Protein backbone atom coordinates (compact mmCIF):
# COMPACT_ATOMS: atom_id res chain seq x y z
CA MET A 1 94.01 126.52 60.92
CA SER A 2 94.19 130.17 60.04
CA GLN A 3 97.63 131.59 59.38
CA SER A 4 99.14 134.93 59.96
CA THR A 5 100.67 135.84 63.17
CA GLU A 6 104.25 136.72 64.01
CA ILE A 7 106.74 136.04 66.78
CA LYS A 8 109.57 138.49 67.42
CA GLN A 9 112.09 137.72 70.14
CA THR A 10 115.37 139.46 70.88
CA GLY A 11 117.96 138.57 73.43
CA GLY A 12 121.45 137.47 74.13
CA ILE A 13 123.54 134.40 74.61
CA GLN A 14 126.43 135.25 76.87
CA ASN A 15 129.89 133.74 76.39
CA ALA A 16 129.12 132.78 72.76
CA SER A 17 130.15 134.36 69.50
CA ALA A 18 127.70 134.79 66.64
CA GLU A 19 129.60 132.09 64.78
CA GLU A 20 129.24 129.65 67.70
CA VAL A 21 125.48 130.29 67.85
CA TYR A 22 125.25 129.88 64.07
CA GLU A 23 126.95 126.49 64.40
CA ALA A 24 124.62 125.49 67.23
CA LEU A 25 121.64 126.25 64.98
CA THR A 26 122.94 124.54 61.82
CA ASP A 27 125.51 121.84 62.66
CA PRO A 28 123.98 118.44 63.55
CA LYS A 29 126.59 117.53 66.20
CA LYS A 30 126.58 120.96 67.85
CA PHE A 31 122.75 121.11 67.80
CA ALA A 32 122.63 117.71 69.52
CA ASP A 33 125.25 118.84 72.07
CA VAL A 34 123.23 121.96 72.88
CA THR A 35 119.73 120.48 72.93
CA GLY A 36 120.35 116.83 73.72
CA ARG A 37 118.15 115.95 70.73
CA PRO A 38 118.99 114.77 67.21
CA TYR A 39 119.26 117.05 64.19
CA ASP A 40 119.40 115.61 60.70
CA GLY A 41 120.61 117.86 57.92
CA GLU A 42 123.47 120.03 56.80
CA ALA A 43 124.02 123.76 56.54
CA VAL A 44 123.43 124.05 52.79
CA VAL A 45 120.86 126.35 51.19
CA GLY A 46 117.99 124.31 49.78
CA LYS A 47 118.67 121.29 51.98
CA GLU A 48 116.04 119.82 54.27
CA PHE A 49 116.66 119.49 58.00
CA LYS A 50 114.77 117.68 60.76
CA ALA A 51 115.13 118.54 64.41
CA TYR A 52 113.76 117.14 67.63
CA ASP A 53 113.21 113.60 66.35
CA GLY A 54 111.58 114.90 63.17
CA SER A 55 108.92 116.95 64.93
CA CYS A 56 110.39 120.12 63.32
CA ILE A 57 110.97 120.00 59.57
CA GLY A 58 112.29 122.68 57.25
CA TYR A 59 114.67 123.89 54.57
CA HIS A 60 117.54 126.33 54.72
CA LEU A 61 116.62 129.37 52.61
CA ALA A 62 119.63 131.60 53.36
CA LEU A 63 122.77 131.07 55.40
CA GLN A 64 125.54 133.51 56.20
CA ARG A 65 128.01 132.04 58.67
CA GLY A 66 127.97 133.95 61.95
CA LYS A 67 125.39 136.44 60.67
CA TRP A 68 122.10 135.00 59.45
CA VAL A 69 119.98 131.85 59.26
CA ARG A 70 116.70 131.84 57.32
CA GLN A 71 114.65 128.65 57.25
CA THR A 72 111.25 127.33 56.36
CA TRP A 73 110.04 125.64 59.50
CA ARG A 74 107.01 123.56 60.35
CA MET A 75 105.79 121.15 62.97
CA SER A 76 105.25 117.62 61.67
CA TYR A 77 101.56 117.70 62.72
CA TRP A 78 100.77 120.81 60.64
CA PRO A 79 99.11 120.32 57.26
CA SER A 80 101.83 119.70 54.67
CA ASP A 81 100.99 122.91 52.78
CA ILE A 82 101.77 125.12 55.80
CA SER A 83 105.32 126.27 56.56
CA SER A 84 106.52 129.25 58.53
CA THR A 85 109.64 131.29 57.92
CA CYS A 86 112.21 131.73 60.69
CA ASP A 87 114.91 134.39 60.64
CA PHE A 88 117.79 134.34 63.10
CA ALA A 89 119.88 137.52 62.81
CA LEU A 90 123.11 137.08 64.80
CA LYS A 91 125.46 139.81 65.95
CA ASP A 92 128.58 139.80 68.09
CA VAL A 93 128.26 142.21 71.00
CA PRO A 94 130.48 142.71 74.05
CA GLY A 95 130.13 139.59 76.19
CA GLY A 96 128.26 137.40 73.72
CA CYS A 97 125.86 137.18 70.80
CA GLU A 98 122.67 139.11 70.18
CA ILE A 99 119.87 137.24 68.42
CA ASP A 100 116.98 138.96 66.66
CA PHE A 101 114.50 136.22 65.87
CA THR A 102 111.32 136.43 63.80
CA GLN A 103 108.89 133.68 62.83
CA THR A 104 106.02 134.36 60.41
CA GLY A 105 103.41 132.36 58.53
CA PHE A 106 102.41 129.84 61.16
CA PRO A 107 98.89 128.86 62.23
CA ALA A 108 97.50 131.53 64.57
CA ASP A 109 96.45 128.95 67.14
CA GLU A 110 100.13 127.96 67.52
CA LEU A 111 101.28 131.36 68.82
CA LYS A 112 101.51 130.45 72.51
CA ASN A 113 102.96 126.99 71.88
CA LEU A 114 105.65 128.30 69.52
CA SER A 115 106.56 131.34 71.65
CA GLU A 116 107.08 129.15 74.69
CA GLY A 117 108.77 126.47 72.59
CA TRP A 118 111.51 128.79 71.30
CA ASP A 119 112.32 129.69 74.87
CA SER A 120 112.25 126.11 76.19
CA TYR A 121 113.84 124.30 73.25
CA TYR A 122 116.25 126.87 71.83
CA TRP A 123 117.10 129.92 73.97
CA LYS A 124 117.39 128.21 77.37
CA PRO A 125 119.47 125.28 76.04
CA LEU A 126 121.75 127.74 74.19
CA MET A 127 122.24 129.86 77.32
CA GLU A 128 122.87 126.81 79.50
CA TYR A 129 125.27 125.23 77.02
CA PHE A 130 127.42 128.31 76.58
CA SER A 131 127.33 129.10 80.28
CA ASN A 132 128.57 125.57 81.01
CA GLU A 133 131.17 125.79 78.23
CA GLN A 134 132.54 129.00 79.75
CA THR A 135 132.63 127.41 83.21
CA LYS A 136 134.52 124.41 81.84
CA LYS A 137 137.06 126.72 80.17
CA LYS A 138 137.56 128.69 83.39
CA VAL A 139 137.96 125.55 85.47
CA GLN A 140 140.47 124.12 82.97
CA GLN A 141 142.41 127.39 83.16
CA GLY A 142 142.23 127.43 86.99
CA GLN A 143 140.07 130.57 87.04
CA ASP A 144 137.04 131.38 89.18
CA GLU A 145 134.04 129.18 88.39
CA LYS A 146 131.49 132.01 88.81
CA HIS A 147 129.72 133.03 85.64
CA ALA A 148 126.72 135.08 84.60
CA VAL A 149 123.68 133.85 82.75
CA CYS A 150 121.84 136.24 80.47
CA HIS A 151 118.11 135.62 80.23
CA PHE A 152 116.74 135.93 76.73
CA ASP A 153 114.24 138.64 77.61
CA ILE A 154 117.02 141.12 78.45
CA PRO A 155 118.40 142.91 75.39
CA ALA A 156 121.80 141.49 74.52
CA THR A 157 123.28 144.97 74.35
CA ASN A 158 122.72 145.33 78.09
CA PHE A 159 125.00 142.57 79.38
CA GLU A 160 126.21 144.66 82.34
CA ARG A 161 122.64 144.89 83.65
CA ALA A 162 122.11 141.18 83.00
CA GLN A 163 125.27 140.28 84.89
CA LYS A 164 124.17 142.28 87.94
CA ILE A 165 120.73 140.67 87.93
CA TYR A 166 121.65 137.08 87.12
CA SER A 167 125.17 136.55 88.47
CA GLU A 168 125.51 133.68 90.84
């Protein structure tokens, strides 16, 4: 397995603050609520975590609540001496949270699998969870149930455009 490619993805999670997204990425209960899959670990620098039934293993390298998550990250089937680095930069923007994500140091033949995996296993569940949370809040408050969903490939700073395209 040769190493050395990079994934960069930027997008937005509507109806979520940067702190809420941070919690969804680092808190075992919130991660399980969002993804429907177990997460073992705690948000402490240097601590190991395991996600998705242990198929993803890593360590927290840097954590800044509501701002930044940096982790080593590897698939359980990779050779034990290979770990990638994942950076999640989080920023509150009008209407939600912007995520700038970068992953480096993974086997080159994993590029397609990982790129699609972040979308399927992280971004889509986050968008769905916070969309549903917002709907629940509106229903509880007796407000209109309609809500917008922001797809991850639209820059988070352009929520107005996203709402026009993806509103129900």
